[in-house]
Amino acid sequence: MTEYTFDSWLRAQANRRDPIGSLAQDYRADCNAHGLTSMTAAELRASMLTQCACSGAMQALTIAQREWNQQLRRERQEAQHRASLARAAQSRPRAHSLPLTNAAGHTEAPLETTPAESE
């Protein structure tokens, strides 16, 4: 599972042609201009409030946080599902091959059985 930070997720949105893309571009430029390496969503919100960001920028940040949280939730659910499938596969009995002999005494293709069936 790729666990993004809000910073890396937001920077990756810079090519979008919507308010989140605009926010991402401004964020990247501000970080570069001020020598910042990264900010959490809460730190960015506080910074934007301190700088009296417009309501549209604040709304874009709210939507961006919601999208980021939804993506994290989806990735966690997918990882849990994959882990559940792996556990189920590990607990499944292994198949054994038993040769078949027909009425004439010739061996045919093996039959797949579980260990319980072969006992």
N, C-alpha and C. Protein backbone atom coordinates (compact mmCIF):
# COMPACT_ATOMS: atom_id res chain seq x y z
N MET A 1 0.85 -1.17 0.00
CA MET A 1 0.00 0.00 0.00
C MET A 1 0.89 1.23 0.00
N THR A 2 0.57 2.17 -0.83
CA THR A 2 1.29 3.43 -0.88
C THR A 2 0.57 4.42 0.02
N GLU A 3 1.19 4.75 1.12
CA GLU A 3 0.57 5.69 2.04
C GLU A 3 1.15 7.07 1.76
N TYR A 4 0.31 7.94 1.22
CA TYR A 4 0.74 9.29 0.89
C TYR A 4 0.65 10.19 2.11
N THR A 5 1.51 11.19 2.14
CA THR A 5 1.29 12.29 3.06
C THR A 5 0.42 13.29 2.31
N PHE A 6 -0.22 14.16 3.02
CA PHE A 6 -1.04 15.17 2.35
C PHE A 6 -0.15 16.00 1.43
N ASP A 7 1.03 16.33 1.89
CA ASP A 7 1.96 17.12 1.10
C ASP A 7 2.26 16.46 -0.25
N SER A 8 2.64 15.19 -0.24
CA SER A 8 2.98 14.53 -1.51
C SER A 8 1.75 14.38 -2.40
N TRP A 9 0.59 14.11 -1.79
CA TRP A 9 -0.64 13.98 -2.57
C TRP A 9 -0.99 15.31 -3.23
N LEU A 10 -0.92 16.40 -2.45
CA LEU A 10 -1.29 17.71 -2.98
C LEU A 10 -0.32 18.14 -4.09
N ARG A 11 0.96 17.92 -3.89
CA ARG A 11 1.93 18.28 -4.94
C ARG A 11 1.64 17.52 -6.25
N ALA A 12 1.18 16.29 -6.15
CA ALA A 12 0.89 15.48 -7.34
C ALA A 12 -0.36 15.97 -8.07
N GLN A 13 -1.14 16.86 -7.45
CA GLN A 13 -2.38 17.35 -8.07
C GLN A 13 -2.16 18.61 -8.91
N ALA A 14 -0.93 19.07 -9.02
CA ALA A 14 -0.64 20.36 -9.66
C ALA A 14 -1.05 20.44 -11.12
N ASN A 15 -1.19 19.32 -11.81
CA ASN A 15 -1.57 19.35 -13.23
C ASN A 15 -3.08 19.36 -13.46
N ARG A 16 -3.84 19.28 -12.37
CA ARG A 16 -5.29 19.31 -12.51
C ARG A 16 -5.74 20.70 -12.96
N ARG A 17 -6.83 20.74 -13.69
CA ARG A 17 -7.38 22.01 -14.16
C ARG A 17 -8.66 22.33 -13.38
N ASP A 18 -8.50 22.44 -12.07
CA ASP A 18 -9.61 22.77 -11.19
C ASP A 18 -9.04 23.51 -9.98
N PRO A 19 -9.87 23.91 -9.04
CA PRO A 19 -9.36 24.65 -7.88
C PRO A 19 -8.31 23.89 -7.07
N ILE A 20 -8.41 22.56 -7.02
CA ILE A 20 -7.39 21.79 -6.29
C ILE A 20 -6.06 21.88 -7.01
N GLY A 21 -6.07 21.84 -8.34
CA GLY A 21 -4.84 22.01 -9.11
C GLY A 21 -4.22 23.37 -8.87
N SER A 22 -5.06 24.38 -8.81
CA SER A 22 -4.57 25.74 -8.55
C SER A 22 -3.98 25.83 -7.15
N LEU A 23 -4.67 25.23 -6.18
CA LEU A 23 -4.15 25.20 -4.81
C LEU A 23 -2.80 24.49 -4.77
N ALA A 24 -2.69 23.37 -5.46
CA ALA A 24 -1.45 22.60 -5.49
C ALA A 24 -0.31 23.42 -6.10
N GLN A 25 -0.60 24.13 -7.16
CA GLN A 25 0.44 24.96 -7.80
C GLN A 25 0.91 26.06 -6.85
N ASP A 26 -0.05 26.72 -6.19
CA ASP A 26 0.30 27.77 -5.24
C ASP A 26 1.10 27.20 -4.06
N TYR A 27 0.69 26.03 -3.60
CA TYR A 27 1.37 25.38 -2.49
C TYR A 27 2.83 25.08 -2.85
N ARG A 28 3.02 24.49 -4.02
CA ARG A 28 4.39 24.18 -4.47
C ARG A 28 5.23 25.44 -4.57
N ALA A 29 4.65 26.47 -5.16
CA ALA A 29 5.39 27.72 -5.32
C ALA A 29 5.74 28.34 -3.97
N ASP A 30 4.77 28.33 -3.04
CA ASP A 30 5.03 28.90 -1.71
C ASP A 30 6.09 28.10 -0.96
N CYS A 31 6.01 26.78 -1.05
CA CYS A 31 7.02 25.94 -0.37
C CYS A 31 8.40 26.22 -0.94
N ASN A 32 8.49 26.32 -2.26
CA ASN A 32 9.78 26.60 -2.89
C ASN A 32 10.29 27.99 -2.52
N ALA A 33 9.39 28.98 -2.51
CA ALA A 33 9.79 30.35 -2.22
C ALA A 33 10.26 30.51 -0.78
N HIS A 34 9.67 29.77 0.13
CA HIS A 34 10.00 29.92 1.56
C HIS A 34 10.89 28.81 2.08
N GLY A 35 11.37 27.93 1.21
CA GLY A 35 12.28 26.88 1.61
C GLY A 35 11.64 25.82 2.50
N LEU A 36 10.33 25.64 2.36
CA LEU A 36 9.63 24.63 3.17
C LEU A 36 9.71 23.28 2.47
N THR A 37 9.89 22.23 3.25
CA THR A 37 9.92 20.90 2.64
C THR A 37 8.52 20.30 2.55
N SER A 38 7.71 20.49 3.57
CA SER A 38 6.35 19.97 3.53
C SER A 38 5.53 20.56 4.67
N MET A 39 4.20 20.41 4.53
CA MET A 39 3.26 20.83 5.57
C MET A 39 2.17 19.79 5.66
N THR A 40 1.63 19.65 6.84
CA THR A 40 0.43 18.83 6.98
C THR A 40 -0.76 19.67 6.51
N ALA A 41 -1.89 19.03 6.35
CA ALA A 41 -3.10 19.76 5.94
C ALA A 41 -3.45 20.82 6.99
N ALA A 42 -3.31 20.47 8.26
CA ALA A 42 -3.63 21.42 9.34
C ALA A 42 -2.67 22.62 9.31
N GLU A 43 -1.39 22.36 9.06
CA GLU A 43 -0.42 23.45 8.98
C GLU A 43 -0.72 24.35 7.78
N LEU A 44 -1.09 23.74 6.67
CA LEU A 44 -1.43 24.53 5.48
C LEU A 44 -2.66 25.38 5.75
N ARG A 45 -3.67 24.80 6.38
CA ARG A 45 -4.88 25.56 6.69
C ARG A 45 -4.54 26.75 7.59
N ALA A 46 -3.75 26.52 8.63
CA ALA A 46 -3.37 27.61 9.55
C ALA A 46 -2.59 28.69 8.81
N SER A 47 -1.70 28.27 7.93
CA SER A 47 -0.92 29.23 7.15
C SER A 47 -1.82 30.05 6.23
N MET A 48 -2.76 29.40 5.60
CA MET A 48 -3.67 30.10 4.70
C MET A 48 -4.55 31.08 5.46
N LEU A 49 -5.00 30.70 6.66
CA LEU A 49 -5.81 31.60 7.49
C LEU A 49 -4.99 32.81 7.92
N THR A 50 -3.72 32.58 8.29
CA THR A 50 -2.83 33.66 8.70
C THR A 50 -2.62 34.65 7.55
N GLN A 51 -2.55 34.11 6.33
CA GLN A 51 -2.31 34.95 5.15
C GLN A 51 -3.62 35.50 4.56
N CYS A 52 -4.74 35.27 5.25
CA CYS A 52 -6.06 35.74 4.80
C CYS A 52 -6.39 35.25 3.39
N ALA A 53 -6.22 33.95 3.17
CA ALA A 53 -6.54 33.35 1.87
C ALA A 53 -8.02 33.54 1.57
N CYS A 54 -8.35 33.64 0.31
CA CYS A 54 -9.74 33.85 -0.09
C CYS A 54 -10.58 32.60 0.22
N SER A 55 -11.89 32.79 0.24
CA SER A 55 -12.79 31.68 0.59
C SER A 55 -12.71 30.55 -0.44
N GLY A 56 -12.46 30.89 -1.70
CA GLY A 56 -12.32 29.85 -2.74
C GLY A 56 -11.13 28.96 -2.49
N ALA A 57 -10.02 29.54 -2.04
CA ALA A 57 -8.82 28.74 -1.74
C ALA A 57 -9.07 27.87 -0.51
N MET A 58 -9.76 28.42 0.48
CA MET A 58 -10.07 27.63 1.68
C MET A 58 -11.00 26.47 1.34
N GLN A 59 -11.96 26.73 0.47
CA GLN A 59 -12.88 25.67 0.04
C GLN A 59 -12.12 24.60 -0.74
N ALA A 60 -11.20 25.02 -1.61
CA ALA A 60 -10.39 24.06 -2.37
C ALA A 60 -9.59 23.17 -1.41
N LEU A 61 -9.06 23.75 -0.34
CA LEU A 61 -8.31 22.96 0.64
C LEU A 61 -9.23 21.95 1.33
N THR A 62 -10.43 22.37 1.67
CA THR A 62 -11.39 21.45 2.31
C THR A 62 -11.71 20.28 1.38
N ILE A 63 -11.95 20.57 0.12
CA ILE A 63 -12.25 19.52 -0.86
C ILE A 63 -11.04 18.62 -1.06
N ALA A 64 -9.85 19.22 -1.12
CA ALA A 64 -8.62 18.45 -1.30
C ALA A 64 -8.42 17.48 -0.13
N GLN A 65 -8.65 17.96 1.09
CA GLN A 65 -8.52 17.08 2.26
C GLN A 65 -9.52 15.93 2.17
N ARG A 66 -10.73 16.21 1.75
CA ARG A 66 -11.75 15.17 1.63
C ARG A 66 -11.33 14.13 0.60
N GLU A 67 -10.85 14.58 -0.56
CA GLU A 67 -10.39 13.65 -1.60
C GLU A 67 -9.22 12.80 -1.11
N TRP A 68 -8.28 13.43 -0.44
CA TRP A 68 -7.12 12.71 0.07
C TRP A 68 -7.54 11.65 1.08
N ASN A 69 -8.44 12.02 1.99
CA ASN A 69 -8.93 11.04 2.98
C ASN A 69 -9.68 9.89 2.31
N GLN A 70 -10.46 10.19 1.28
CA GLN A 70 -11.17 9.13 0.56
C GLN A 70 -10.18 8.18 -0.11
N GLN A 71 -9.13 8.73 -0.70
CA GLN A 71 -8.12 7.90 -1.35
C GLN A 71 -7.43 7.00 -0.33
N LEU A 72 -7.07 7.55 0.82
CA LEU A 72 -6.43 6.76 1.86
C LEU A 72 -7.35 5.64 2.33
N ARG A 73 -8.62 5.95 2.51
CA ARG A 73 -9.59 4.95 2.96
C ARG A 73 -9.73 3.83 1.93
N ARG A 74 -9.80 4.20 0.64
CA ARG A 74 -9.87 3.19 -0.43
C ARG A 74 -8.65 2.30 -0.45
N GLU A 75 -7.47 2.89 -0.33
CA GLU A 75 -6.23 2.11 -0.33
C GLU A 75 -6.16 1.17 0.86
N ARG A 76 -6.59 1.64 2.02
CA ARG A 76 -6.59 0.77 3.21
C ARG A 76 -7.56 -0.39 3.03
N GLN A 77 -8.75 -0.10 2.48
CA GLN A 77 -9.74 -1.17 2.26
C GLN A 77 -9.22 -2.19 1.26
N GLU A 78 -8.58 -1.72 0.19
CA GLU A 78 -8.02 -2.64 -0.81
C GLU A 78 -6.91 -3.50 -0.19
N ALA A 79 -6.07 -2.89 0.64
CA ALA A 79 -4.99 -3.64 1.29
C ALA A 79 -5.57 -4.69 2.25
N GLN A 80 -6.61 -4.32 2.98
CA GLN A 80 -7.25 -5.28 3.88
C GLN A 80 -7.88 -6.42 3.10
N HIS A 81 -8.49 -6.10 1.96
CA HIS A 81 -9.11 -7.13 1.12
C HIS A 81 -8.05 -8.10 0.58
N ARG A 82 -6.92 -7.55 0.09
CA ARG A 82 -5.84 -8.39 -0.41
C ARG A 82 -5.29 -9.28 0.70
N ALA A 83 -5.13 -8.73 1.90
CA ALA A 83 -4.63 -9.52 3.03
C ALA A 83 -5.62 -10.62 3.40
N SER A 84 -6.90 -10.31 3.34
CA SER A 84 -7.93 -11.31 3.64
C SER A 84 -7.89 -12.45 2.61
N LEU A 85 -7.73 -12.10 1.34
CA LEU A 85 -7.64 -13.12 0.29
C LEU A 85 -6.39 -13.98 0.48
N ALA A 86 -5.30 -13.36 0.86
CA ALA A 86 -4.05 -14.12 1.07
C ALA A 86 -4.20 -15.08 2.25
N ARG A 87 -4.84 -14.61 3.34
CA ARG A 87 -5.07 -15.49 4.49
C ARG A 87 -5.97 -16.65 4.11
N ALA A 88 -7.01 -16.39 3.32
CA ALA A 88 -7.92 -17.45 2.90
C ALA A 88 -7.20 -18.46 2.03
N ALA A 89 -6.34 -17.98 1.15
CA ALA A 89 -5.58 -18.89 0.26
C ALA A 89 -4.63 -19.76 1.07
N GLN A 90 -4.04 -19.20 2.12
CA GLN A 90 -3.11 -19.96 2.95
C GLN A 90 -3.83 -21.02 3.79
N SER A 91 -5.06 -20.76 4.17
CA SER A 91 -5.78 -21.71 5.02
C SER A 91 -6.53 -22.76 4.21
N ARG A 92 -6.60 -22.58 2.90
CA ARG A 92 -7.29 -23.53 2.02
C ARG A 92 -6.46 -24.81 1.94
N PRO A 93 -7.11 -26.00 2.02
CA PRO A 93 -6.36 -27.26 1.90
C PRO A 93 -5.70 -27.35 0.53
N ARG A 94 -4.54 -27.96 0.51
CA ARG A 94 -3.79 -28.16 -0.73
C ARG A 94 -4.37 -29.35 -1.48
N ALA A 95 -4.39 -29.27 -2.80
CA ALA A 95 -4.90 -30.37 -3.62
C ALA A 95 -3.80 -31.42 -3.81
N HIS A 96 -4.19 -32.69 -3.85
CA HIS A 96 -3.28 -33.80 -4.12
C HIS A 96 -3.71 -34.45 -5.43
N SER A 97 -2.77 -34.94 -6.17
CA SER A 97 -3.08 -35.62 -7.41
C SER A 97 -3.05 -37.13 -7.19
N LEU A 98 -4.15 -37.78 -7.53
CA LEU A 98 -4.21 -39.24 -7.44
C LEU A 98 -4.38 -39.80 -8.85
N PRO A 99 -3.54 -40.77 -9.24
CA PRO A 99 -3.71 -41.35 -10.57
C PRO A 99 -5.00 -42.17 -10.63
N LEU A 100 -5.62 -42.16 -11.78
CA LEU A 100 -6.84 -42.93 -12.01
C LEU A 100 -6.52 -44.14 -12.88
N THR A 101 -7.12 -45.21 -12.54
CA THR A 101 -6.97 -46.41 -13.36
C THR A 101 -8.34 -46.76 -13.92
N ASN A 102 -8.42 -46.90 -15.23
CA ASN A 102 -9.72 -47.23 -15.83
C ASN A 102 -9.98 -48.74 -15.74
N ALA A 103 -11.10 -49.17 -16.25
CA ALA A 103 -11.51 -50.58 -16.15
C ALA A 103 -10.51 -51.51 -16.82
N ALA A 104 -9.80 -50.99 -17.82
CA ALA A 104 -8.83 -51.84 -18.53
C ALA A 104 -7.48 -51.85 -17.82
N GLY A 105 -7.36 -51.09 -16.71
CA GLY A 105 -6.11 -51.08 -15.96
C GLY A 105 -5.12 -50.03 -16.44
N HIS A 106 -5.55 -49.10 -17.32
CA HIS A 106 -4.66 -48.04 -17.80
C HIS A 106 -4.78 -46.80 -16.91
N THR A 107 -3.66 -46.14 -16.66
CA THR A 107 -3.65 -44.93 -15.84
C THR A 107 -4.10 -43.75 -16.68
N GLU A 108 -5.01 -42.94 -16.12
CA GLU A 108 -5.52 -41.74 -16.79
C GLU A 108 -5.00 -40.51 -16.08
N ALA A 109 -5.47 -39.36 -16.51
CA ALA A 109 -5.05 -38.08 -15.91
C ALA A 109 -5.34 -38.08 -14.42
N PRO A 110 -4.50 -37.40 -13.64
CA PRO A 110 -4.72 -37.38 -12.19
C PRO A 110 -6.00 -36.64 -11.82
N LEU A 111 -6.56 -37.01 -10.70
CA LEU A 111 -7.74 -36.39 -10.15
C LEU A 111 -7.28 -35.48 -9.02
N GLU A 112 -7.75 -34.23 -9.02
CA GLU A 112 -7.40 -33.29 -7.96
C GLU A 112 -8.33 -33.52 -6.79
N THR A 113 -7.77 -33.77 -5.60
CA THR A 113 -8.57 -33.95 -4.40
C THR A 113 -7.95 -33.17 -3.27
N THR A 114 -8.72 -32.95 -2.24
CA THR A 114 -8.17 -32.32 -1.03
C THR A 114 -7.66 -33.43 -0.12
N PRO A 115 -6.82 -33.10 0.86
CA PRO A 115 -6.26 -34.13 1.74
C PRO A 115 -7.36 -34.98 2.43
N ALA A 116 -8.47 -34.36 2.83
CA ALA A 116 -9.52 -35.09 3.51
C ALA A 116 -10.13 -36.15 2.60
N GLU A 117 -10.23 -35.86 1.31
CA GLU A 117 -10.82 -36.80 0.36
C GLU A 117 -9.89 -37.98 0.06
N SER A 118 -8.59 -37.78 0.22
CA SER A 118 -7.64 -38.82 -0.17
C SER A 118 -7.40 -39.80 0.97
N GLU A 119 -7.91 -39.52 2.17
CA GLU A 119 -7.70 -40.42 3.30
C GLU A 119 -8.75 -41.51 3.37
